[in-house]
Protein backbone atom coordinates (compact mmCIF):
# COMPACT_ATOMS: atom_id res chain seq x y z
CA UNK A 1 -213.03 -33.66 78.33
CA UNK A 2 -214.44 -29.84 79.76
CA UNK A 3 -211.57 -28.27 77.50
CA UNK A 4 -213.60 -29.80 74.75
CA UNK A 5 -217.07 -29.31 75.72
CA UNK A 6 -216.00 -25.68 75.85
CA UNK A 7 -214.28 -25.88 72.37
CA UNK A 8 -217.02 -27.35 70.63
CA UNK A 9 -219.46 -24.39 72.44
CA UNK A 10 -216.88 -21.87 70.75
CA UNK A 11 -217.39 -23.76 67.74
CA UNK A 12 -220.59 -23.33 66.90
CA UNK A 13 -220.93 -20.04 68.30
CA UNK A 14 -217.87 -19.29 65.81
CA UNK A 15 -220.02 -20.77 63.05
CA UNK A 16 -223.38 -19.10 63.40
CA UNK A 17 -220.79 -15.81 63.17
CA UNK A 18 -219.72 -17.27 59.65
CA UNK A 19 -222.71 -17.90 58.34
CA UNK A 20 -224.50 -14.46 59.43
CA UNK A 21 -221.44 -12.73 57.71
CA UNK A 22 -221.18 -14.99 54.36
CA UNK A 23 -225.32 -14.55 54.04
CA UNK A 24 -225.80 -10.79 55.31
CA UNK A 25 -222.51 -9.27 55.90
CA UNK A 26 -220.38 -9.11 52.73
CA UNK A 27 -222.73 -8.44 50.27
CA UNK A 28 -221.05 -9.53 47.12
CA UNK A 29 -222.25 -7.83 44.50
CA UNK A 30 -221.17 -4.69 46.26
CA UNK A 31 -217.64 -5.63 47.24
CA UNK A 32 -216.80 -8.82 45.21
CA UNK A 33 -213.18 -9.43 45.69
CA UNK A 34 -213.80 -8.93 49.91
CA UNK A 35 -216.19 -11.24 48.74
CA UNK A 36 -213.67 -13.83 47.14
CA UNK A 37 -211.41 -13.85 49.61
CA UNK A 38 -213.59 -14.85 52.35
CA UNK A 39 -214.82 -17.68 50.52
CA UNK A 40 -211.11 -18.78 49.46
CA UNK A 41 -209.95 -18.56 52.98
CA UNK A 42 -213.02 -20.45 54.74
CA UNK A 43 -212.03 -23.10 51.25
CA UNK A 44 -208.82 -23.11 52.43
CA UNK A 45 -208.17 -23.20 56.13
CA UNK A 46 -210.71 -26.32 55.65
CA UNK A 47 -214.07 -25.59 56.98
CA UNK A 48 -215.59 -25.26 53.93
CA UNK A 49 -217.40 -28.43 54.66
CA UNK A 50 -219.64 -26.12 57.58
CA UNK A 51 -220.61 -23.97 54.85
CA UNK A 52 -221.61 -25.80 51.72
CA UNK A 53 -224.61 -24.62 51.23
CA UNK A 54 -223.73 -21.11 52.12
CA UNK A 55 -220.87 -20.69 49.75
CA UNK A 56 -222.95 -22.37 47.10
CA UNK A 57 -225.59 -19.36 47.55
CA UNK A 58 -223.03 -16.98 47.20
CA UNK A 59 -220.69 -18.19 43.89
CA UNK A 60 -224.04 -19.01 42.82
CA UNK A 61 -224.87 -15.01 42.33
CA UNK A 62 -221.05 -14.67 41.32
CA UNK A 63 -221.34 -17.00 38.50
CA UNK A 64 -225.20 -14.74 36.97
CA UNK A 65 -223.60 -11.72 37.40
CA UNK A 66 -220.09 -12.67 35.93
CA UNK A 67 -220.55 -10.24 32.93
CA UNK A 68 -221.13 -7.39 35.62
CA UNK A 69 -218.62 -8.23 37.66
CA UNK A 70 -216.07 -8.88 34.89
CA UNK A 71 -216.05 -5.33 34.34
CA UNK A 72 -215.95 -4.15 38.00
CA UNK A 73 -212.94 -5.86 38.02
CA UNK A 74 -211.61 -3.79 35.06
CA UNK A 75 -208.64 -4.58 33.20
CA UNK A 76 -205.96 -4.88 35.15
CA UNK A 77 -206.83 -6.91 37.82
CA UNK A 78 -205.39 -10.51 37.61
CA UNK A 79 -205.63 -11.11 41.07
CA UNK A 80 -209.60 -10.42 41.20
CA UNK A 81 -209.86 -12.57 38.11
CA UNK A 82 -208.04 -15.53 38.70
CA UNK A 83 -209.26 -16.08 41.61
CA UNK A 84 -212.72 -15.64 40.53
CA UNK A 85 -212.26 -17.80 37.83
CA UNK A 86 -210.81 -20.81 39.92
CA UNK A 87 -213.82 -20.17 42.89
CA UNK A 88 -216.14 -20.79 40.51
CA UNK A 89 -214.80 -24.24 38.32
CA UNK A 90 -214.15 -25.43 41.56
CA UNK A 91 -217.72 -24.69 42.27
CA UNK A 92 -218.64 -26.78 39.41
CA UNK A 93 -219.14 -23.66 37.01
CA UNK A 94 -217.76 -23.13 33.66
CA UNK A 95 -216.04 -19.71 33.11
CA UNK A 96 -214.58 -19.01 29.89
CA UNK A 97 -210.47 -18.61 30.14
CA UNK A 98 -210.56 -15.31 27.69
CA UNK A 99 -211.06 -13.63 30.28
CA UNK A 100 -207.35 -14.18 30.87
CA UNK A 101 -206.79 -12.80 26.78
CA UNK A 102 -205.85 -9.01 28.02
CA UNK A 103 -202.79 -10.13 30.03
CA UNK A 104 -201.63 -10.71 26.68
CA UNK A 105 -199.35 -8.87 24.66
CA UNK A 106 -199.56 -8.22 20.70
CA UNK A 107 -197.55 -10.98 20.27
CA UNK A 108 -200.10 -13.53 21.86
CA UNK A 109 -197.12 -14.08 24.66
CA UNK A 110 -198.03 -12.77 28.29
CA UNK A 111 -196.93 -9.52 29.34
CA UNK A 112 -193.86 -9.67 31.05
CA UNK A 113 -194.79 -6.86 33.73
CA UNK A 114 -197.34 -9.06 35.18
CA UNK A 115 -194.28 -11.29 36.47
CA UNK A 116 -194.43 -8.43 39.15
CA UNK A 117 -197.73 -9.06 41.12
CA UNK A 118 -196.93 -11.77 42.79
CA UNK A 119 -200.49 -12.29 44.43
CA UNK A 120 -202.05 -12.06 40.57
CA UNK A 121 -198.87 -15.01 39.05
CA UNK A 122 -200.02 -17.11 42.08
CA UNK A 123 -203.64 -16.77 41.40
CA UNK A 124 -203.42 -17.54 37.79
CA UNK A 125 -200.94 -20.50 38.62
CA UNK A 126 -203.43 -21.87 40.34
CA UNK A 127 -206.64 -21.20 38.08
CA UNK A 128 -204.59 -23.22 35.46
CA UNK A 129 -204.88 -26.27 37.31
CA UNK A 130 -208.73 -25.99 36.54
CA UNK A 131 -207.77 -25.85 32.27
CA UNK A 132 -209.88 -28.37 30.42
CA UNK A 133 -208.52 -30.10 27.00
CA UNK A 134 -207.94 -27.54 24.07
CA UNK A 135 -207.56 -24.20 26.49
CA UNK A 136 -204.42 -23.40 25.05
CA UNK A 137 -204.79 -19.96 27.09
CA UNK A 138 -204.32 -22.02 30.46
CA UNK A 139 -201.19 -24.50 28.84
CA UNK A 140 -199.56 -21.31 28.61
CA UNK A 141 -200.53 -19.29 31.70
CA UNK A 142 -198.98 -22.76 33.74
CA UNK A 143 -195.67 -22.48 32.31
CA UNK A 144 -195.67 -19.38 32.26
CA UNK A 145 -196.42 -18.91 36.35
CA UNK A 146 -194.95 -21.57 36.84
CA UNK A 147 -191.26 -20.10 35.34
CA UNK A 148 -191.66 -17.00 36.84
CA UNK A 149 -192.76 -18.19 40.56
CA UNK A 150 -189.67 -21.18 40.16
CA UNK A 151 -187.44 -18.09 39.61
CA UNK A 152 -188.40 -15.74 42.19
CA UNK A 153 -187.50 -18.57 44.78
CA UNK A 154 -184.51 -20.29 43.29
CA UNK A 155 -183.27 -15.49 43.41
CA UNK A 156 -184.47 -15.43 46.87
CA UNK A 157 -186.78 -12.73 45.11
CA UNK A 158 -189.91 -12.62 48.42
CA UNK A 159 -189.87 -12.84 51.75
CA UNK A 160 -192.39 -14.55 54.05
CA UNK A 161 -195.29 -15.07 54.04
CA UNK A 162 -195.34 -14.83 50.39
CA UNK A 163 -192.27 -16.86 49.64
CA UNK A 164 -193.65 -20.06 51.32
CA UNK A 165 -196.78 -19.56 49.90
CA UNK A 166 -195.09 -19.84 46.37
CA UNK A 167 -192.81 -23.15 47.52
CA UNK A 168 -195.61 -24.60 48.54
CA UNK A 169 -197.53 -24.29 45.66
CA UNK A 170 -195.16 -25.58 43.28
CA UNK A 171 -194.96 -28.65 45.08
CA UNK A 172 -199.07 -28.89 45.86
CA UNK A 173 -201.54 -27.26 43.55
CA UNK A 174 -204.61 -26.40 45.33
CA UNK A 175 -206.59 -28.37 42.93
CA UNK A 176 -204.08 -31.73 43.61
CA UNK A 177 -203.62 -31.67 47.32
CA UNK A 178 -204.18 -33.35 50.29
CA UNK A 179 -206.58 -31.04 51.55
CA UNK A 180 -206.38 -31.58 55.41
CA UNK A 181 -202.66 -31.10 54.83
CA UNK A 182 -203.39 -27.94 52.93
CA UNK A 183 -205.70 -26.60 55.74
CA UNK A 184 -203.14 -27.13 58.01
CA UNK A 185 -200.38 -25.11 56.45
CA UNK A 186 -202.68 -22.75 55.48
CA UNK A 187 -203.51 -21.99 59.14
CA UNK A 188 -199.88 -21.55 59.53
CA UNK A 189 -198.65 -19.16 56.82
CA UNK A 190 -202.83 -17.08 57.07
CA UNK A 191 -201.76 -15.58 60.58
CA UNK A 192 -198.69 -13.88 59.20
CA UNK A 193 -201.07 -12.49 55.92
CA UNK A 194 -201.39 -9.34 57.18
CA UNK A 195 -205.58 -9.48 56.45
CA UNK A 196 -206.10 -12.75 58.28
CA UNK A 197 -209.52 -12.83 60.26
CA UNK A 198 -209.65 -13.96 63.71
CA UNK A 199 -212.38 -14.92 63.84
CA UNK A 200 -211.37 -17.77 61.05
CA UNK A 201 -208.40 -18.46 62.68
CA UNK A 202 -209.90 -19.27 65.67
CA UNK A 203 -212.19 -21.62 64.06
CA UNK A 204 -210.02 -23.57 61.98
CA UNK A 205 -207.39 -24.40 65.04
CA UNK A 206 -209.97 -25.30 66.73
CA UNK A 207 -211.81 -27.23 64.35
CA UNK A 208 -208.13 -29.25 63.36
CA UNK A 209 -207.10 -29.82 66.52
CA UNK A 210 -210.81 -31.34 67.88
CA UNK A 211 -210.70 -33.53 65.02
CA UNK A 212 -207.15 -34.55 65.36
CA UNK A 213 -208.19 -35.91 68.46
CA UNK A 214 -210.76 -38.13 67.02
CA UNK A 215 -208.25 -39.12 63.98
CA UNK A 216 -205.75 -40.71 66.95
CA UNK A 217 -208.72 -42.33 68.72
CA UNK A 218 -209.82 -43.96 65.41
CA UNK A 219 -205.92 -44.64 64.76
CA UNK A 220 -205.68 -46.41 67.90
CA UNK A 221 -208.64 -48.57 67.13
CA UNK A 222 -208.00 -49.47 63.88
CA UNK A 223 -204.16 -50.76 65.27
CA UNK A 224 -205.62 -53.05 67.79
CA UNK A 225 -207.99 -54.25 65.06
CA UNK A 226 -204.64 -55.10 62.80
CA UNK A 227 -202.32 -56.76 65.66
CA UNK A 228 -205.65 -58.72 66.73
CA UNK A 229 -205.65 -60.06 63.01
CA UNK A 230 -202.43 -61.15 63.72
CA UNK A 231 -201.05 -60.01 60.49
CA UNK A 232 -197.01 -60.96 60.81
CA UNK A 233 -197.70 -64.47 62.05
CA UNK A 234 -200.38 -65.27 59.26
CA UNK A 235 -199.22 -63.08 56.01
CA UNK A 236 -195.54 -61.84 57.04
CA UNK A 237 -194.88 -61.33 53.45
CA UNK A 238 -197.20 -58.61 52.83
CA UNK A 239 -196.79 -54.85 53.92
CA UNK A 240 -197.18 -53.92 57.57
CA UNK A 241 -199.38 -50.39 56.17
CA UNK A 242 -201.98 -50.17 58.57
CA UNK A 243 -201.45 -46.57 58.76
CA UNK A 244 -200.34 -45.80 55.86
CA UNK A 245 -204.08 -48.05 55.10
CA UNK A 246 -205.90 -45.16 57.36
CA UNK A 247 -204.21 -42.22 55.90
CA UNK A 248 -205.27 -43.52 52.55
CA UNK A 249 -208.64 -42.76 53.75
CA UNK A 250 -208.49 -40.09 55.90
CA UNK A 251 -207.92 -37.96 52.33
CA UNK A 252 -211.81 -38.98 51.52
CA UNK A 253 -213.54 -38.63 54.99
CA UNK A 254 -212.33 -36.41 57.39
CA UNK A 255 -215.60 -35.23 59.19
CA UNK A 256 -216.29 -35.90 62.25
CA UNK A 257 -219.83 -37.86 61.10
CA UNK A 258 -217.70 -39.91 59.11
CA UNK A 259 -215.63 -42.17 61.31
CA UNK A 260 -217.08 -45.24 60.72
CA UNK A 261 -216.68 -45.21 57.03
CA UNK A 262 -213.21 -44.03 57.33
CA UNK A 263 -212.89 -46.94 59.35
CA UNK A 264 -214.56 -49.27 57.52
CA UNK A 265 -212.51 -47.76 54.04
CA UNK A 266 -209.13 -48.73 56.09
CA UNK A 267 -210.22 -52.23 56.60
CA UNK A 268 -210.67 -52.87 53.10
CA UNK A 269 -207.55 -51.38 51.80
CA UNK A 270 -205.96 -53.23 54.34
CA UNK A 271 -207.19 -56.45 53.19
CA UNK A 272 -207.47 -55.41 49.47
CA UNK A 273 -202.89 -54.97 50.34
CA UNK A 274 -203.39 -58.67 51.56
CA UNK A 275 -204.75 -59.96 48.26
CA UNK A 276 -202.23 -57.94 46.12
CA UNK A 277 -199.13 -59.29 47.82
CA UNK A 278 -200.09 -62.53 47.22
CA UNK A 279 -200.84 -61.94 43.65
CA UNK A 280 -197.67 -60.14 43.37
CA UNK A 281 -194.93 -61.32 45.87
CA UNK A 282 -195.97 -64.49 47.21
CA UNK A 283 -198.41 -67.00 45.49
CA UNK A 284 -197.69 -69.49 43.14
CA UNK A 285 -199.53 -70.05 39.77
CA UNK A 286 -201.09 -72.88 41.14
CA UNK A 287 -201.94 -71.67 44.35
CA UNK A 288 -203.64 -68.26 42.72
CA UNK A 289 -205.85 -70.04 40.42
CA UNK A 290 -208.44 -72.25 42.87
CA UNK A 291 -208.07 -68.08 44.83
CA UNK A 292 -209.17 -66.34 41.65
CA UNK A 293 -211.91 -68.82 41.08
CA UNK A 294 -212.65 -68.66 44.83
CA UNK A 295 -213.32 -64.64 44.38
CA UNK A 296 -215.33 -65.17 40.55
CA UNK A 297 -217.17 -66.97 42.42
CA UNK A 298 -220.94 -64.89 42.30
CA UNK A 299 -222.16 -66.42 45.82
CA UNK A 300 -219.32 -65.91 48.35
CA UNK A 301 -219.08 -68.82 50.43
CA UNK A 302 -217.12 -70.36 53.34
CA UNK A 303 -216.61 -74.39 50.97
CA UNK A 304 -214.25 -71.75 48.40
CA UNK A 305 -210.86 -71.99 50.83
CA UNK A 306 -211.48 -75.82 50.11
CA UNK A 307 -208.49 -76.02 47.71
CA UNK A 308 -206.19 -72.84 48.97
CA UNK A 309 -203.10 -72.99 51.41
CA UNK A 310 -203.70 -71.84 55.17
CA UNK A 311 -202.45 -68.41 54.09
CA UNK A 312 -204.99 -67.92 51.01
CA UNK A 313 -207.92 -69.40 54.07
CA UNK A 314 -207.01 -66.85 56.63
CA UNK A 315 -206.99 -63.62 53.68
CA UNK A 316 -210.34 -65.23 52.20
CA UNK A 317 -211.94 -66.01 55.14
CA UNK A 318 -211.09 -62.69 56.79
CA UNK A 319 -212.57 -60.68 53.76
CA UNK A 320 -216.40 -63.15 54.43
CA UNK A 321 -216.30 -61.38 57.57
CA UNK A 322 -215.31 -57.62 56.50
CA UNK A 323 -218.24 -58.39 53.66
CA UNK A 324 -221.02 -59.44 56.48
CA UNK A 325 -219.81 -56.02 57.93
CA UNK A 326 -220.38 -54.13 54.90
CA UNK A 327 -223.38 -55.36 54.35
CA UNK A 328 -224.99 -54.62 58.37
CA UNK A 329 -223.44 -51.27 57.35
CA UNK A 330 -225.23 -50.91 54.47
CA UNK A 331 -228.56 -52.23 54.90
CA UNK A 332 -230.31 -48.75 54.51
CA UNK A 333 -229.09 -49.48 50.69
CA UNK A 334 -228.59 -52.93 50.39
CA UNK A 335 -227.61 -53.00 46.85
CA UNK A 336 -224.18 -51.29 47.97
CA UNK A 337 -222.49 -54.58 49.15
CA UNK A 338 -222.73 -56.34 45.42
CA UNK A 339 -220.80 -53.18 43.73
CA UNK A 340 -218.05 -53.45 46.38
CA UNK A 341 -217.59 -57.58 45.49
CA UNK A 342 -217.96 -56.59 41.95
CA UNK A 343 -214.98 -54.33 42.34
CA UNK A 344 -213.14 -56.44 44.15
CA UNK A 345 -213.29 -58.73 40.84
CA UNK A 346 -212.65 -56.01 38.42
CA UNK A 347 -208.73 -56.09 40.29
CA UNK A 348 -208.99 -59.70 40.37
CA UNK A 349 -208.89 -60.91 37.71
CA UNK A 350 -206.25 -57.69 36.57
CA UNK A 351 -203.91 -59.63 38.99
CA UNK A 352 -204.72 -62.84 37.35
CA UNK A 353 -203.20 -61.68 34.49
CA UNK A 354 -200.45 -60.02 35.73
CA UNK A 355 -199.38 -62.88 37.31
CA UNK A 356 -199.37 -65.22 34.12
CA UNK A 357 -197.67 -62.66 32.69
CA UNK A 358 -194.95 -62.86 35.37
CA UNK A 359 -194.92 -66.67 35.26
CA UNK A 360 -194.47 -66.92 31.47
CA UNK A 361 -191.82 -64.28 31.46
CA UNK A 362 -193.50 -62.15 28.65
CA UNK A 363 -193.63 -58.60 28.89
CA UNK A 364 -196.81 -56.89 27.57
CA UNK A 365 -196.66 -54.12 25.28
CA UNK A 366 -198.57 -50.61 26.17
CA UNK A 367 -201.55 -51.71 24.60
CA UNK A 368 -201.75 -54.94 25.55
CA UNK A 369 -200.79 -53.64 29.75
CA UNK A 370 -202.87 -50.63 30.16
CA UNK A 371 -206.14 -51.76 30.43
CA UNK A 372 -205.45 -54.59 32.94
CA UNK A 373 -202.81 -52.20 35.01
CA UNK A 374 -205.76 -49.43 35.20
CA UNK A 375 -208.06 -52.36 36.34
CA UNK A 376 -205.31 -53.25 38.72
CA UNK A 377 -205.61 -49.65 39.87
CA UNK A 378 -209.07 -50.43 41.99
CA UNK A 379 -210.97 -47.11 41.74
CA UNK A 380 -214.59 -49.15 40.98
CA UNK A 381 -214.01 -50.56 44.34
CA UNK A 382 -212.42 -48.00 46.42
CA UNK A 383 -215.10 -45.70 44.64
CA UNK A 384 -217.79 -48.06 45.40
CA UNK A 385 -216.72 -48.05 49.08
CA UNK A 386 -216.43 -44.48 49.54
CA UNK A 387 -220.01 -44.12 48.38
CA UNK A 388 -221.71 -46.10 51.01
CA UNK A 389 -221.00 -43.47 52.98
CA UNK A 390 -222.53 -40.81 51.90
CA UNK A 391 -225.91 -41.84 53.39
CA UNK A 392 -229.49 -40.74 51.44
CA UNK A 393 -226.72 -39.31 48.67
CA UNK A 394 -225.88 -42.40 47.09
CA UNK A 395 -228.47 -44.10 45.17
CA UNK A 396 -228.59 -47.41 42.99
CA UNK A 397 -228.29 -45.57 39.56
CA UNK A 398 -225.05 -43.40 41.51
CA UNK A 399 -223.54 -46.96 42.02
CA UNK A 400 -224.59 -47.89 38.23
CA UNK A 401 -222.77 -44.73 37.27
CA UNK A 402 -219.23 -46.64 38.66
CA UNK A 403 -219.21 -49.00 36.28
CA UNK A 404 -220.83 -47.69 33.11
CA UNK A 405 -218.85 -47.78 29.48
CA UNK A 406 -217.60 -45.40 28.61
CA UNK A 407 -216.00 -45.03 32.06
CA UNK A 408 -217.08 -41.87 33.50
CA UNK A 409 -213.67 -38.74 32.85
CA UNK A 410 -213.47 -39.15 36.47
CA UNK A 411 -213.12 -42.19 36.98
CA UNK A 412 -210.04 -42.77 34.53
CA UNK A 413 -208.13 -40.26 35.71
CA UNK A 414 -208.20 -42.30 39.30
CA UNK A 415 -206.89 -45.08 37.54
CA UNK A 416 -204.51 -43.40 35.70
CA UNK A 417 -203.14 -41.35 38.06
CA UNK A 418 -202.66 -44.65 40.76
CA UNK A 419 -201.49 -46.66 38.15
CA UNK A 420 -199.23 -44.80 35.99
CA UNK A 421 -197.85 -42.34 39.23
CA UNK A 422 -197.02 -45.40 40.72
CA UNK A 423 -195.17 -47.39 37.80
CA UNK A 424 -193.00 -44.47 37.43
CA UNK A 425 -192.14 -44.05 40.81
CA UNK A 426 -191.84 -48.22 40.77
CA UNK A 427 -189.15 -48.21 38.13
CA UNK A 428 -187.11 -45.45 39.73
CA UNK A 429 -187.05 -47.08 42.69
CA UNK A 430 -184.76 -49.55 44.41
CA UNK A 431 -187.40 -52.10 44.67
CA UNK A 432 -187.25 -52.17 41.16
CA UNK A 433 -183.28 -52.66 40.58
CA UNK A 434 -183.52 -55.70 43.43
CA UNK A 435 -185.73 -57.83 41.76
CA UNK A 436 -184.77 -60.49 39.59
CA UNK A 437 -188.39 -60.53 37.51
CA UNK A 438 -188.84 -57.58 35.61
CA UNK A 439 -192.40 -57.25 36.82
CA UNK A 440 -195.00 -55.63 34.06
CA UNK A 441 -194.90 -51.81 34.34
CA UNK A 442 -196.60 -49.45 32.53
CA UNK A 443 -192.94 -47.80 32.07
CA UNK A 444 -191.41 -50.93 30.56
CA UNK A 445 -194.10 -51.62 28.28
CA UNK A 446 -193.93 -48.34 26.83
CA UNK A 447 -190.90 -48.41 26.09
CA UNK A 448 -191.00 -52.20 24.22
CA UNK A 449 -193.42 -50.85 21.84
CA UNK A 450 -192.45 -47.75 21.46
CA UNK A 451 -188.62 -48.77 21.66
CA UNK A 452 -187.94 -45.04 23.51
CA UNK A 453 -185.61 -44.36 26.53
CA UNK A 454 -186.51 -44.31 30.13
CA UNK A 455 -186.52 -40.68 30.03
CA UNK A 456 -188.63 -40.37 26.78
CA UNK A 457 -191.28 -43.34 28.19
CA UNK A 458 -192.14 -41.44 31.71
CA UNK A 459 -192.15 -37.93 29.58
CA UNK A 460 -195.24 -39.41 27.62
CA UNK A 461 -196.59 -41.42 30.29
CA UNK A 462 -196.81 -38.40 32.60
CA UNK A 463 -198.27 -36.10 29.51
CA UNK A 464 -201.16 -38.94 30.01
CA UNK A 465 -201.33 -38.13 33.29
CA UNK A 466 -200.96 -34.18 32.88
CA UNK A 467 -204.06 -34.99 30.20
CA UNK A 468 -206.61 -36.55 33.07
CA UNK A 469 -206.07 -33.89 35.01
CA UNK A 470 -207.58 -31.93 32.63
CA UNK A 471 -210.67 -34.59 31.83
CA UNK A 472 -211.53 -34.91 35.73
CA UNK A 473 -212.13 -30.84 35.79
CA UNK A 474 -214.32 -31.47 32.45
CA UNK A 475 -216.37 -34.04 34.65
CA UNK A 476 -216.81 -31.70 37.51
CA UNK A 477 -218.22 -28.96 35.54
CA UNK A 478 -222.05 -28.72 35.30
CA UNK A 479 -224.12 -30.36 33.68
CA UNK A 480 -222.34 -33.01 36.13
CA UNK A 481 -223.77 -36.65 35.59
CA UNK A 482 -224.09 -37.63 39.61
CA UNK A 483 -224.75 -35.87 42.63
CA UNK A 484 -221.60 -33.10 43.50
CA UNK A 485 -221.18 -34.30 46.91
CA UNK A 486 -220.42 -38.44 45.57
CA UNK A 487 -218.39 -36.76 42.60
CA UNK A 488 -215.98 -34.41 45.71
CA UNK A 489 -215.29 -37.70 47.15
CA UNK A 490 -214.13 -39.44 43.40
CA UNK A 491 -211.75 -36.43 43.71
CA UNK A 492 -210.33 -36.23 47.25
CA UNK A 493 -209.72 -39.88 45.83
CA UNK A 494 -207.84 -38.93 42.87
CA UNK A 495 -205.98 -36.37 45.59
CA UNK A 496 -204.95 -39.37 47.22
CA UNK A 497 -203.28 -40.93 44.63
CA UNK A 498 -201.31 -38.22 43.65
CA UNK A 499 -200.35 -37.66 47.31
CA UNK A 500 -199.33 -41.23 47.81
CA UNK A 501 -197.11 -41.39 44.54
CA UNK A 502 -195.89 -37.46 43.83
CA UNK A 503 -192.27 -38.89 44.56
CA UNK A 504 -192.16 -42.78 44.51
CA UNK A 505 -194.30 -45.14 45.89
CA UNK A 506 -195.14 -43.52 48.95
CA UNK A 507 -196.87 -46.65 50.22
CA UNK A 508 -194.64 -48.72 49.83
CA UNK A 509 -192.08 -46.99 50.80
CA UNK A 510 -193.80 -44.99 54.36
CA UNK A 511 -190.64 -42.60 55.06
CA UNK A 512 -192.30 -40.60 51.74
CA UNK A 513 -195.75 -40.03 54.09
CA UNK A 514 -193.72 -39.83 57.52
CA UNK A 515 -193.80 -36.06 57.57
CA UNK A 516 -197.90 -36.31 56.54
CA UNK A 517 -198.59 -38.43 58.81
CA UNK A 518 -197.16 -36.30 61.87
CA UNK A 519 -198.66 -32.95 60.08
CA UNK A 520 -202.25 -34.19 60.27
CA UNK A 521 -202.44 -37.39 63.00
CA UNK A 522 -199.13 -36.09 65.72
CA UNK A 523 -198.54 -32.98 66.16
CA UNK A 524 -201.84 -30.12 67.51
CA UNK A 525 -201.98 -26.60 66.15
CA UNK A 526 -200.41 -24.30 69.30
């Protein structure tokens, strides 16, 4: 405990030194590149949540003086141009992608000469992840940088630490990555860079290790809660994934002050998993009809369980208890619980429709399946719950935004990334091959409607995922629909979806997440 107290005191001291440097020691208009690099390091080390206001002040100066800085960087500083472009777009400022036109030749292709600029290429690769639709130059930049960086890795032309940085970036671009995992890995790589600053490195290590101790305690608590629920005897058909449920929410909220919402969201996802599995794996059509009707009632009541089998009663009662917790948790914003119920009802309607298809052995077309599949992804439900942890930032208007029509692009992206990547992973999995019933998924439905091969269907669906990221990037540029801190939580939810399903169904196949769990929860940084 004494060591922890000393660490907290040290963190406070170091934070003040960093704030002082950000506001008074960098002189961004005189030393623009040094300032950008410092902010980039802060963000990649997982420390930006301490300095959000200071970083905004500095980057706003960059945005307001963009033309002058463009001249300062000159015509041949790809590294600086790409770094500035990414940091400003990440902050929500629109910067024209034409800044990269000067790196093209007379034939309109990127100059081969820039491929030897490793830092420039790596930063152009990361900058291209910020593209929106109709930004062809960034589409071309992504292909160009990916091709050359992969070649450098395969031919062993890079040495550490740049080899490690490039290999990791190709798998985990910053925009799409699970941020706390990125912070840990960057801490390990950062200390190998000649330019690293000991002050930032020390702060990052202290911050990560102290938070990890809190997360370990939380995981112990939530595991006990799950065991007391006696899941294995009452819901033995469902997936036992309480650690994965916790990791899901760790990707959305990791800060010390967000402990309560992190635990609440973990409980919610564990209960949603049981409901999902009741529909998908166990319940009969006759049992599921009254189960669906119970969720659809405006006034959720224990009497709705009268016609349910025992295992469904257990689940429904546990959910009623949980919603009482939510109402207590959100008593300052009493309207919040009704939106979470509304989100769950959207999911249940989708579950019910999919069960009917399965029972009738009907494979829908892709156009039939798509809207149901997106509702099944549960984006509105999880976003509603996440917003409840944002205190005074959330308003009734922002909760209404979640369910607005047309659907906000960033929410649709969350649904598309979660649904399509999950379905692609399921289609490739042994679980599907061993299943007696062909469950409707995006891949099978796309094949049915368009008469294409498996590979062609997966390619087209991946294109939709990539385009949806462009839409997300557009929704995060000013002017924005709701306060930026809320949008950042949605972005984190999308990132978690991407991480869960990047290599398959990481939620159902926990071996895919073992390294992530070890990295975040088990192993401290020495």
